[in-house]
Every structure is written in C-alpha cells, then in structure tokens.
Amino acid sequence: MKYSNLVNGFTEINLTKLDVLTGLKEVKIGVAYWHNGKKLAGMPSNLQPLEESTVQYETLPGWSEDISKCRTFEELPLNAQKYVLRVEELLGTHIKWIGVGQDRLDVIERARPLPKTV
C-alpha cells in the first residue's frame, strides 16, 4: 500500500475488507522488507530479491465483534479503530472510506483529515 500511495500521490484512500479481519486474534501489518541483513527502502521490484526477503511485521490485537452494521468510525471496536489509525499513520494518508461488509453501501466515511505538520 505504501508504494501504491507513493506512486499515485493519493490524498485520501479507501480501506476495503476490514470486515474479513474480524475474528483474528492478532492483525499483522507488513512495515519493512529485509534482504541479506539489510532493511530495504521499499518493496523489492524484482522477484528474486522479493523471494529472498523477510517481511517485518507489526502486530496489533484483533477484534471479534461484527462490524458489518457499523456506520461511524466510533461504532467500530476499539482494536479495529486502532488498526485503521495505524495504517493511516504508516501511509501518511487519510483513510476516508472504510469497507465494513459485503455490500457496496457497507462503508464508513470519515471526514477528518490528517492534521497538517509544520
């Protein structure tokens, strides 16, 4: 996601499929790639080094509550909120829409932009 965000210059994104993470005890986020003992600047663009690389994960607690009926960010379980906020922080891009179910209308819209840094 970080690379896609970088090359496309997104100002806001849609985080889909949050509902499929429901029921996991832990949720892992890939935060870095390591190859031959060195941390890479991003995801390897070549299959050979990608195959030989190790992913560094950040582990967050999961949630078991059904989120398909949530229509506001505040209705999400606290751990789901923390996951969304951490992904947003890692990307540096506001997550405006969050998919919480199978239907195309099962979406939470967040109006708050990221605070501007000086």
Protein backbone atom coordinates (compact mmCIF):
# COMPACT_ATOMS: atom_id res chain seq x y z
CA MET A 1 0.00 0.00 0.00
CA LYS A 2 2.82 2.38 0.81
CA TYR A 3 4.35 2.04 -2.66
CA SER A 4 0.98 2.44 -4.39
CA ASN A 5 0.34 5.52 -2.29
CA LEU A 6 3.76 6.92 -3.21
CA VAL A 7 3.48 6.49 -6.97
CA ASN A 8 -0.13 7.65 -7.18
CA GLY A 9 0.06 10.61 -4.81
CA PHE A 10 -3.18 9.79 -3.03
CA THR A 11 -4.57 12.41 -0.66
CA GLU A 12 -7.22 10.02 0.70
CA ILE A 13 -7.78 6.29 0.37
CA ASN A 14 -10.47 3.65 0.69
CA LEU A 15 -9.52 0.83 3.07
CA THR A 16 -11.59 -2.15 1.96
CA LYS A 17 -12.24 -5.55 3.51
CA LEU A 18 -11.83 -4.53 7.15
CA ASP A 19 -14.63 -7.00 7.91
CA VAL A 20 -12.57 -10.00 6.78
CA LEU A 21 -10.11 -9.33 9.60
CA THR A 22 -12.87 -9.83 12.19
CA GLY A 23 -12.20 -12.89 14.32
CA LEU A 24 -8.41 -12.79 14.08
CA LYS A 25 -6.72 -12.71 17.49
CA GLU A 26 -3.91 -10.60 16.01
CA VAL A 27 -3.65 -8.48 12.88
CA LYS A 28 -0.25 -8.08 11.28
CA ILE A 29 0.89 -5.13 9.19
CA GLY A 30 3.97 -5.51 7.00
CA VAL A 31 6.15 -2.49 7.81
CA ALA A 32 9.52 -3.32 6.20
CA TYR A 33 11.41 -5.73 3.95
CA TRP A 34 14.82 -7.15 4.86
CA HIS A 35 17.21 -8.68 2.35
CA ASN A 36 20.63 -10.12 3.24
CA GLY A 37 20.53 -8.46 6.66
CA LYS A 38 19.73 -5.02 5.27
CA LYS A 39 16.49 -3.11 5.59
CA LEU A 40 15.20 -2.18 2.14
CA ALA A 41 13.79 1.26 1.32
CA GLY A 42 10.61 -0.36 -0.02
CA MET A 43 9.14 -3.50 -1.50
CA PRO A 44 11.58 -5.20 -3.90
CA SER A 45 10.58 -4.66 -7.53
CA ASN A 46 12.35 -7.82 -8.69
CA LEU A 47 11.02 -11.30 -7.91
CA GLN A 48 14.41 -12.76 -6.95
CA PRO A 49 15.15 -10.37 -4.04
CA LEU A 50 11.47 -10.42 -3.06
CA GLU A 51 11.61 -14.21 -2.80
CA GLU A 52 14.75 -13.95 -0.65
CA SER A 53 13.41 -11.17 1.56
CA THR A 54 11.88 -11.33 5.01
CA VAL A 55 8.92 -9.16 5.94
CA GLN A 56 9.00 -7.31 9.26
CA TYR A 57 5.53 -7.21 10.81
CA GLU A 58 3.93 -5.01 13.41
CA THR A 59 1.32 -6.97 15.35
CA LEU A 60 -1.86 -5.38 16.68
CA PRO A 61 -4.64 -7.01 18.72
CA GLY A 62 -7.61 -8.22 16.69
CA TRP A 63 -11.34 -7.96 17.35
CA SER A 64 -14.24 -10.41 17.32
CA GLU A 65 -17.23 -8.07 17.10
CA ASP A 66 -19.31 -7.96 13.90
CA ILE A 67 -18.58 -4.65 12.19
CA SER A 68 -20.90 -5.00 9.19
CA LYS A 69 -23.55 -2.73 10.71
CA CYS A 70 -21.13 -0.01 11.82
CA ARG A 71 -21.77 3.28 10.06
CA THR A 72 -19.46 5.58 12.02
CA PHE A 73 -15.82 5.20 12.95
CA GLU A 74 -16.73 5.42 16.63
CA GLU A 75 -19.02 2.35 16.29
CA LEU A 76 -16.07 0.16 15.29
CA PRO A 77 -14.46 -1.94 18.05
CA LEU A 78 -11.54 -0.10 19.65
CA ASN A 79 -8.96 -2.52 18.20
CA ALA A 80 -10.39 -2.03 14.69
CA GLN A 81 -10.13 1.73 15.18
CA LYS A 82 -6.52 1.36 16.30
CA TYR A 83 -5.74 -0.75 13.23
CA VAL A 84 -7.21 1.84 10.85
CA LEU A 85 -5.39 4.69 12.59
CA ARG A 86 -2.08 2.79 12.50
CA VAL A 87 -2.40 2.06 8.77
CA GLU A 88 -3.24 5.71 8.22
CA GLU A 89 -0.18 6.74 10.24
CA LEU A 90 2.14 4.38 8.36
CA LEU A 91 0.88 5.60 4.98
CA GLY A 92 0.71 9.26 5.94
CA THR A 93 -2.56 9.48 4.04
CA HIS A 94 -6.07 10.00 5.37
CA ILE A 95 -8.31 6.91 5.25
CA LYS A 96 -11.60 8.49 4.28
CA TRP A 97 -13.63 5.38 3.49
CA ILE A 98 -13.61 2.06 5.36
CA GLY A 99 -15.30 -1.03 3.93
CA VAL A 100 -17.04 -2.98 6.70
CA GLY A 101 -19.17 -5.52 4.83
CA GLN A 102 -20.05 -7.28 1.59
CA ASP A 103 -22.49 -4.71 0.24
CA ARG A 104 -21.13 -1.72 -1.64
CA LEU A 105 -23.00 0.51 0.80
CA ASP A 106 -21.29 -1.08 3.82
CA VAL A 107 -18.87 1.83 4.09
CA ILE A 108 -17.91 4.26 6.82
CA GLU A 109 -16.95 7.74 5.70
CA ARG A 110 -14.51 9.68 7.86
CA ALA A 111 -14.48 13.43 7.27
CA ARG A 112 -11.50 14.27 9.48
CA PRO A 113 -8.33 14.96 7.51
CA LEU A 114 -4.87 14.32 8.93
CA PRO A 115 -3.53 17.26 10.91
CA LYS A 116 -1.06 19.31 8.92
CA THR A 117 2.52 19.16 10.16
CA VAL A 118 4.81 22.17 10.11
